[in-house]
C-alpha atoms as a PDB file:
ATOM      1  CA  UNK A   1     -51.393  -3.964 -27.809  1.00  0.00           C
ATOM      2  CA  UNK A   2     -48.997  -5.894 -25.576  1.00  0.00           C
ATOM      3  CA  UNK A   3     -46.716  -8.774 -26.494  1.00  0.00           C
ATOM      4  CA  UNK A   4     -48.883 -11.492 -24.927  1.00  0.00           C
ATOM      5  CA  UNK A   5     -52.030 -10.151 -26.588  1.00  0.00           C
ATOM      6  CA  UNK A   6     -50.276 -10.136 -29.966  1.00  0.00           C
ATOM      7  CA  UNK A   7     -49.174 -13.737 -29.418  1.00  0.00           C
ATOM      8  CA  UNK A   8     -52.247 -15.208 -27.721  1.00  0.00           C
ATOM      9  CA  UNK A   9     -55.154 -12.901 -28.536  1.00  0.00           C
ATOM     10  CA  UNK A  10     -57.616 -11.187 -26.213  1.00  0.00           C
ATOM     11  CA  UNK A  11     -57.606 -12.596 -22.651  1.00  0.00           C
ATOM     12  CA  UNK A  12     -60.511 -14.880 -21.838  1.00  0.00           C
ATOM     13  CA  UNK A  13     -61.625 -15.211 -18.196  1.00  0.00           C
ATOM     14  CA  UNK A  14     -61.202 -18.910 -17.358  1.00  0.00           C
ATOM     15  CA  UNK A  15     -63.503 -21.246 -15.545  1.00  0.00           C
ATOM     16  CA  UNK A  16     -62.258 -22.596 -12.239  1.00  0.00           C
ATOM     17  CA  UNK A  17     -59.674 -25.248 -13.004  1.00  0.00           C
ATOM     18  CA  UNK A  18     -57.414 -26.903 -10.394  1.00  0.00           C
ATOM     19  CA  UNK A  19     -55.016 -27.985 -13.181  1.00  0.00           C
ATOM     20  CA  UNK A  20     -54.245 -24.389 -14.165  1.00  0.00           C
ATOM     21  CA  UNK A  21     -51.153 -22.575 -12.913  1.00  0.00           C
ATOM     22  CA  UNK A  22     -50.425 -18.895 -13.557  1.00  0.00           C
ATOM     23  CA  UNK A  23     -46.854 -17.896 -14.431  1.00  0.00           C
ATOM     24  CA  UNK A  24     -46.185 -14.188 -13.974  1.00  0.00           C
ATOM     25  CA  UNK A  25     -43.615 -11.442 -13.957  1.00  0.00           C
ATOM     26  CA  UNK A  26     -43.764  -7.811 -12.844  1.00  0.00           C
ATOM     27  CA  UNK A  27     -41.910  -4.610 -13.635  1.00  0.00           C
ATOM     28  CA  UNK A  28     -41.346  -2.073 -10.871  1.00  0.00           C
ATOM     29  CA  UNK A  29     -39.707   1.290 -10.268  1.00  0.00           C
ATOM     30  CA  UNK A  30     -36.935  -0.429  -8.305  1.00  0.00           C
ATOM     31  CA  UNK A  31     -35.973  -3.417  -6.200  1.00  0.00           C
ATOM     32  CA  UNK A  32     -37.171  -2.242  -2.783  1.00  0.00           C
ATOM     33  CA  UNK A  33     -40.437  -4.108  -2.190  1.00  0.00           C
ATOM     34  CA  UNK A  34     -41.299  -1.785   0.721  1.00  0.00           C
ATOM     35  CA  UNK A  35     -41.468   1.416  -1.320  1.00  0.00           C
ATOM     36  CA  UNK A  36     -41.038   0.863  -5.084  1.00  0.00           C
ATOM     37  CA  UNK A  37     -44.147   0.853  -7.247  1.00  0.00           C
ATOM     38  CA  UNK A  38     -45.652  -1.779  -9.498  1.00  0.00           C
ATOM     39  CA  UNK A  39     -45.546  -0.673 -13.152  1.00  0.00           C
ATOM     40  CA  UNK A  40     -46.666  -3.726 -15.124  1.00  0.00           C
ATOM     41  CA  UNK A  41     -47.970  -7.270 -14.737  1.00  0.00           C
ATOM     42  CA  UNK A  42     -47.793 -10.004 -17.349  1.00  0.00           C
ATOM     43  CA  UNK A  43     -49.048 -13.544 -16.817  1.00  0.00           C
ATOM     44  CA  UNK A  44     -49.616 -16.762 -18.730  1.00  0.00           C
ATOM     45  CA  UNK A  45     -51.674 -19.767 -17.688  1.00  0.00           C
ATOM     46  CA  UNK A  46     -50.210 -23.248 -17.953  1.00  0.00           C
ATOM     47  CA  UNK A  47     -52.823 -25.998 -18.264  1.00  0.00           C
ATOM     48  CA  UNK A  48     -52.314 -29.580 -17.140  1.00  0.00           C
ATOM     49  CA  UNK A  49     -54.191 -32.719 -18.106  1.00  0.00           C
ATOM     50  CA  UNK A  50     -53.546 -36.253 -16.851  1.00  0.00           C
ATOM     51  CA  UNK A  51     -50.792 -38.039 -18.797  1.00  0.00           C
ATOM     52  CA  UNK A  52     -50.367 -35.083 -21.159  1.00  0.00           C
ATOM     53  CA  UNK A  53     -47.534 -32.584 -21.242  1.00  0.00           C
ATOM     54  CA  UNK A  54     -48.572 -29.144 -19.939  1.00  0.00           C
ATOM     55  CA  UNK A  55     -49.417 -26.512 -22.525  1.00  0.00           C
ATOM     56  CA  UNK A  56     -49.881 -22.759 -22.915  1.00  0.00           C
ATOM     57  CA  UNK A  57     -53.418 -22.377 -24.287  1.00  0.00           C
ATOM     58  CA  UNK A  58     -54.258 -19.599 -26.679  1.00  0.00           C
ATOM     59  CA  UNK A  59     -55.853 -16.502 -25.102  1.00  0.00           C
ATOM     60  CA  UNK A  60     -55.367 -17.509 -21.467  1.00  0.00           C
ATOM     61  CA  UNK A  61     -53.009 -14.624 -20.695  1.00  0.00           C
ATOM     62  CA  UNK A  62     -52.990 -11.251 -18.979  1.00  0.00           C
ATOM     63  CA  UNK A  63     -50.918  -8.135 -19.576  1.00  0.00           C
ATOM     64  CA  UNK A  64     -51.342  -4.568 -18.306  1.00  0.00           C
ATOM     65  CA  UNK A  65     -49.370  -1.453 -17.445  1.00  0.00           C
ATOM     66  CA  UNK A  66     -50.435   0.645 -14.474  1.00  0.00           C
ATOM     67  CA  UNK A  67     -50.944   4.378 -14.652  1.00  0.00           C
ATOM     68  CA  UNK A  68     -48.348   6.404 -12.790  1.00  0.00           C
ATOM     69  CA  UNK A  69     -47.543  10.107 -12.887  1.00  0.00           C
ATOM     70  CA  UNK A  70     -44.060  11.170 -13.934  1.00  0.00           C
ATOM     71  CA  UNK A  71     -43.365  13.033 -10.693  1.00  0.00           C
ATOM     72  CA  UNK A  72     -41.097  10.363  -9.280  1.00  0.00           C
ATOM     73  CA  UNK A  73     -39.771   8.717 -12.427  1.00  0.00           C
ATOM     74  CA  UNK A  74     -36.124   7.798 -12.361  1.00  0.00           C
ATOM     75  CA  UNK A  75     -34.159   7.777 -15.620  1.00  0.00           C
ATOM     76  CA  UNK A  76     -32.011   4.803 -14.576  1.00  0.00           C
ATOM     77  CA  UNK A  77     -35.086   2.729 -13.722  1.00  0.00           C
ATOM     78  CA  UNK A  78     -36.697   3.575 -17.063  1.00  0.00           C
ATOM     79  CA  UNK A  79     -33.564   2.346 -18.826  1.00  0.00           C
ATOM     80  CA  UNK A  80     -33.941  -0.964 -16.965  1.00  0.00           C
ATOM     81  CA  UNK A  81     -37.643  -1.738 -17.399  1.00  0.00           C
ATOM     82  CA  UNK A  82     -38.191   0.229 -20.621  1.00  0.00           C
ATOM     83  CA  UNK A  83     -41.554   1.656 -19.528  1.00  0.00           C
ATOM     84  CA  UNK A  84     -41.176   5.321 -20.345  1.00  0.00           C
ATOM     85  CA  UNK A  85     -42.997   8.325 -18.944  1.00  0.00           C
ATOM     86  CA  UNK A  86     -45.581   8.307 -21.743  1.00  0.00           C
ATOM     87  CA  UNK A  87     -46.371   4.620 -21.264  1.00  0.00           C
ATOM     88  CA  UNK A  88     -46.720   5.068 -17.508  1.00  0.00           C
ATOM     89  CA  UNK A  89     -49.105   7.976 -17.953  1.00  0.00           C
ATOM     90  CA  UNK A  90     -51.115   5.972 -20.492  1.00  0.00           C
ATOM     91  CA  UNK A  91     -51.465   2.966 -18.204  1.00  0.00           C
ATOM     92  CA  UNK A  92     -54.731   1.869 -16.640  1.00  0.00           C
ATOM     93  CA  UNK A  93     -55.697   2.865 -13.076  1.00  0.00           C
ATOM     94  CA  UNK A  94     -53.910   0.539 -10.613  1.00  0.00           C
ATOM     95  CA  UNK A  95     -57.106  -0.526  -8.843  1.00  0.00           C
ATOM     96  CA  UNK A  96     -58.687  -1.430 -12.188  1.00  0.00           C
ATOM     97  CA  UNK A  97     -55.663  -3.482 -13.270  1.00  0.00           C
ATOM     98  CA  UNK A  98     -55.383  -5.322  -9.955  1.00  0.00           C
ATOM     99  CA  UNK A  99     -59.105  -6.114  -9.840  1.00  0.00           C
ATOM    100  CA  UNK A 100     -59.002  -7.462 -13.396  1.00  0.00           C
ATOM    101  CA  UNK A 101     -55.859  -9.462 -12.649  1.00  0.00           C
ATOM    102  CA  UNK A 102     -57.372 -10.998  -9.523  1.00  0.00           C
ATOM    103  CA  UNK A 103     -60.484 -12.025 -11.468  1.00  0.00           C
ATOM    104  CA  UNK A 104     -58.431 -13.487 -14.315  1.00  0.00           C
ATOM    105  CA  UNK A 105     -56.206 -15.507 -11.962  1.00  0.00           C
ATOM    106  CA  UNK A 106     -59.239 -17.043 -10.285  1.00  0.00           C
ATOM    107  CA  UNK A 107     -58.207 -19.788  -7.891  1.00  0.00           C
ATOM    108  CA  UNK A 108     -55.031 -20.740  -9.779  1.00  0.00           C
ATOM    109  CA  UNK A 109     -51.736 -20.986  -7.878  1.00  0.00           C
ATOM    110  CA  UNK A 110     -48.967 -18.579  -8.882  1.00  0.00           C
ATOM    111  CA  UNK A 111     -45.482 -19.238 -10.274  1.00  0.00           C
ATOM    112  CA  UNK A 112     -42.564 -16.861 -10.737  1.00  0.00           C
ATOM    113  CA  UNK A 113     -38.773 -16.933 -10.906  1.00  0.00           C
ATOM    114  CA  UNK A 114     -37.602 -15.482  -7.563  1.00  0.00           C
ATOM    115  CA  UNK A 115     -41.250 -15.449  -6.560  1.00  0.00           C
ATOM    116  CA  UNK A 116     -40.851 -13.722  -3.153  1.00  0.00           C
ATOM    117  CA  UNK A 117     -40.148 -10.450  -4.968  1.00  0.00           C
ATOM    118  CA  UNK A 118     -43.235 -10.661  -7.209  1.00  0.00           C
ATOM    119  CA  UNK A 119     -45.347 -11.794  -4.259  1.00  0.00           C
ATOM    120  CA  UNK A 120     -44.247  -8.861  -2.103  1.00  0.00           C
ATOM    121  CA  UNK A 121     -44.707  -6.291  -4.883  1.00  0.00           C
ATOM    122  CA  UNK A 122     -48.201  -7.461  -5.828  1.00  0.00           C
ATOM    123  CA  UNK A 123     -49.176  -7.833  -2.178  1.00  0.00           C
ATOM    124  CA  UNK A 124     -48.118  -4.259  -1.431  1.00  0.00           C
ATOM    125  CA  UNK A 125     -49.998  -2.965  -4.484  1.00  0.00           C
ATOM    126  CA  UNK A 126     -53.143  -4.870  -3.485  1.00  0.00           C
ATOM    127  CA  UNK A 127     -53.013  -3.405   0.006  1.00  0.00           C
ATOM    128  CA  UNK A 128     -52.289   0.108  -1.281  1.00  0.00           C
ATOM    129  CA  UNK A 129     -54.889   0.268  -4.049  1.00  0.00           C
ATOM    130  CA  UNK A 130     -57.555  -2.250  -3.004  1.00  0.00           C
ATOM    131  CA  UNK A 131     -57.103  -2.097   0.776  1.00  0.00           C
ATOM    132  CA  UNK A 132     -56.915  -5.848   1.189  1.00  0.00           C
ATOM    133  CA  UNK A 133     -54.342  -8.568   1.698  1.00  0.00           C
ATOM    134  CA  UNK A 134     -53.369 -11.020  -1.030  1.00  0.00           C
ATOM    135  CA  UNK A 135     -50.884 -13.104   0.912  1.00  0.00           C
ATOM    136  CA  UNK A 136     -52.816 -16.354   1.356  1.00  0.00           C
ATOM    137  CA  UNK A 137     -52.473 -17.563  -2.243  1.00  0.00           C
ATOM    138  CA  UNK A 138     -50.091 -20.456  -2.962  1.00  0.00           C
ATOM    139  CA  UNK A 139     -46.869 -19.433  -4.711  1.00  0.00           C
ATOM    140  CA  UNK A 140     -44.089 -21.459  -6.312  1.00  0.00           C
ATOM    141  CA  UNK A 141     -40.565 -20.096  -6.723  1.00  0.00           C
ATOM    142  CA  UNK A 142     -39.165 -21.612  -9.913  1.00  0.00           C
ATOM    143  CA  UNK A 143     -35.555 -20.742  -9.007  1.00  0.00           C
ATOM    144  CA  UNK A 144     -35.084 -23.363  -6.238  1.00  0.00           C
ATOM    145  CA  UNK A 145     -37.318 -25.766  -8.151  1.00  0.00           C
ATOM    146  CA  UNK A 146     -34.967 -25.704 -11.140  1.00  0.00           C
ATOM    147  CA  UNK A 147     -31.978 -26.121  -8.841  1.00  0.00           C
ATOM    148  CA  UNK A 148     -33.602 -29.090  -7.099  1.00  0.00           C
ATOM    149  CA  UNK A 149     -34.288 -30.863 -10.374  1.00  0.00           C
ATOM    150  CA  UNK A 150     -30.882 -30.072 -11.883  1.00  0.00           C
ATOM    151  CA  UNK A 151     -28.522 -29.929  -8.873  1.00  0.00           C
ATOM    152  CA  UNK A 152     -25.320 -29.890 -10.926  1.00  0.00           C
ATOM    153  CA  UNK A 153     -26.383 -26.662 -12.581  1.00  0.00           C
ATOM    154  CA  UNK A 154     -28.202 -25.414  -9.508  1.00  0.00           C
ATOM    155  CA  UNK A 155     -25.023 -24.935  -7.498  1.00  0.00           C
ATOM    156  CA  UNK A 156     -23.793 -22.486 -10.164  1.00  0.00           C
ATOM    157  CA  UNK A 157     -26.892 -20.882 -11.648  1.00  0.00           C
ATOM    158  CA  UNK A 158     -28.478 -17.922  -9.884  1.00  0.00           C
ATOM    159  CA  UNK A 159     -30.356 -15.903 -12.497  1.00  0.00           C
ATOM    160  CA  UNK A 160     -33.162 -16.588 -14.953  1.00  0.00           C
ATOM    161  CA  UNK A 161     -30.665 -15.849 -17.726  1.00  0.00           C
ATOM    162  CA  UNK A 162     -28.505 -18.786 -16.576  1.00  0.00           C
ATOM    163  CA  UNK A 163     -31.384 -21.245 -16.922  1.00  0.00           C
ATOM    164  CA  UNK A 164     -32.627 -19.794 -20.194  1.00  0.00           C
ATOM    165  CA  UNK A 165     -29.176 -20.140 -21.708  1.00  0.00           C
ATOM    166  CA  UNK A 166     -28.831 -23.693 -20.382  1.00  0.00           C
ATOM    167  CA  UNK A 167     -32.098 -24.814 -21.983  1.00  0.00           C
ATOM    168  CA  UNK A 168     -31.709 -22.708 -25.106  1.00  0.00           C
ATOM    169  CA  UNK A 169     -34.830 -20.648 -24.388  1.00  0.00           C
ATOM    170  CA  UNK A 170     -34.806 -17.321 -26.273  1.00  0.00           C
ATOM    171  CA  UNK A 171     -35.739 -14.046 -24.640  1.00  0.00           C
ATOM    172  CA  UNK A 172     -35.209 -11.092 -26.936  1.00  0.00           C
ATOM    173  CA  UNK A 173     -36.554  -8.437 -24.546  1.00  0.00           C
ATOM    174  CA  UNK A 174     -35.076  -9.185 -21.130  1.00  0.00           C
ATOM    175  CA  UNK A 175     -36.513  -7.216 -18.195  1.00  0.00           C
ATOM    176  CA  UNK A 176     -39.802  -6.725 -20.003  1.00  0.00           C
ATOM    177  CA  UNK A 177     -42.673  -8.341 -18.107  1.00  0.00           C
ATOM    178  CA  UNK A 178     -44.365 -10.112 -21.013  1.00  0.00           C
ATOM    179  CA  UNK A 179     -41.141 -11.473 -22.522  1.00  0.00           C
ATOM    180  CA  UNK A 180     -39.836 -12.613 -19.132  1.00  0.00           C
ATOM    181  CA  UNK A 181     -43.169 -14.284 -18.367  1.00  0.00           C
ATOM    182  CA  UNK A 182     -43.130 -16.197 -21.641  1.00  0.00           C
ATOM    183  CA  UNK A 183     -39.539 -17.298 -21.011  1.00  0.00           C
ATOM    184  CA  UNK A 184     -40.387 -18.372 -17.447  1.00  0.00           C
ATOM    185  CA  UNK A 185     -43.362 -20.389 -18.687  1.00  0.00           C
ATOM    186  CA  UNK A 186     -41.096 -22.068 -21.235  1.00  0.00           C
ATOM    187  CA  UNK A 187     -38.669 -22.900 -18.430  1.00  0.00           C
ATOM    188  CA  UNK A 188     -41.487 -24.521 -16.458  1.00  0.00           C
ATOM    189  CA  UNK A 189     -42.330 -26.692 -19.472  1.00  0.00           C
ATOM    190  CA  UNK A 190     -38.671 -27.737 -19.767  1.00  0.00           C
ATOM    191  CA  UNK A 191     -38.586 -28.695 -16.087  1.00  0.00           C
ATOM    192  CA  UNK A 192     -41.757 -30.775 -16.283  1.00  0.00           C
ATOM    193  CA  UNK A 193     -40.211 -34.052 -17.615  1.00  0.00           C
ATOM    194  CA  UNK A 194     -37.591 -34.082 -14.838  1.00  0.00           C
ATOM    195  CA  UNK A 195     -40.257 -33.386 -12.221  1.00  0.00           C
ATOM    196  CA  UNK A 196     -42.482 -36.121 -13.597  1.00  0.00           C
ATOM    197  CA  UNK A 197     -39.624 -38.627 -13.347  1.00  0.00           C
ATOM    198  CA  UNK A 198     -39.603 -37.890  -9.623  1.00  0.00           C
ATOM    199  CA  UNK A 199     -43.396 -38.391  -9.388  1.00  0.00           C
ATOM    200  CA  UNK A 200     -43.697 -34.652  -8.787  1.00  0.00           C
ATOM    201  CA  UNK A 201     -46.734 -33.684 -10.840  1.00  0.00           C
ATOM    202  CA  UNK A 202     -48.963 -31.586  -8.562  1.00  0.00           C
ATOM    203  CA  UNK A 203     -48.511 -27.970  -7.571  1.00  0.00           C
ATOM    204  CA  UNK A 204     -48.257 -28.995  -3.916  1.00  0.00           C
ATOM    205  CA  UNK A 205     -45.451 -31.433  -4.763  1.00  0.00           C
ATOM    206  CA  UNK A 206     -43.568 -28.797  -6.793  1.00  0.00           C
ATOM    207  CA  UNK A 207     -43.926 -26.206  -4.037  1.00  0.00           C
ATOM    208  CA  UNK A 208     -42.807 -28.694  -1.380  1.00  0.00           C
ATOM    209  CA  UNK A 209     -39.699 -29.686  -3.358  1.00  0.00           C
ATOM    210  CA  UNK A 210     -38.810 -26.036  -4.007  1.00  0.00           C
ATOM    211  CA  UNK A 211     -39.205 -25.126  -0.316  1.00  0.00           C
ATOM    212  CA  UNK A 212     -37.153 -28.132   0.802  1.00  0.00           C
ATOM    213  CA  UNK A 213     -34.314 -27.332  -1.591  1.00  0.00           C
ATOM    214  CA  UNK A 214     -34.301 -23.698  -0.516  1.00  0.00           C
ATOM    215  CA  UNK A 215     -34.106 -24.644   3.173  1.00  0.00           C
ATOM    216  CA  UNK A 216     -31.310 -27.147   2.585  1.00  0.00           C
ATOM    217  CA  UNK A 217     -29.291 -24.823   0.372  1.00  0.00           C
ATOM    218  CA  UNK A 218     -29.491 -21.928   2.843  1.00  0.00           C
ATOM    219  CA  UNK A 219     -28.914 -23.980   5.992  1.00  0.00           C
END
């Protein structure tokens, strides 16, 4: 049983809900999105209601490890993501995991810290195992969003660890998909009051602000 299942119970497929965002994190065999493999996905839904702070509802979560043979395992990568040979062999078939994940996400937009990496990894896995594209879904990168809302810290902070330390968000198992997902969801909740002060309460508004800050900061 995974961390999110222990915390939130058995995943429940949600009804379509435009006020539901999915926060996720992945573990991979490396950092090259063109060739490294997806090992695990963990995701939590954040639910929004008018004039109410967002919440993480019980059971609306997803967590799975993908089956992979040990032929190409790298000891250094295992030390990083902690998913050993036995766990990789015991994982579920990739196509099964990705199909279940797609169904669980539904029409919810996706959120991740340094989202382009997660987007590329999942997109490659979808194309490899399900023979279809998954690139049209809306994504939000929480890294530039945090920097836009807290510019004084944003000029110095680069990693998720920086923001977690700033907000006092614990993460006892760094570089483990479920723990990183929970920490990222907590970060989103901490950012919400600052976003609301700027009348930024929809996913489209968050994504627009994040894109604008990223363009300005890299210009």
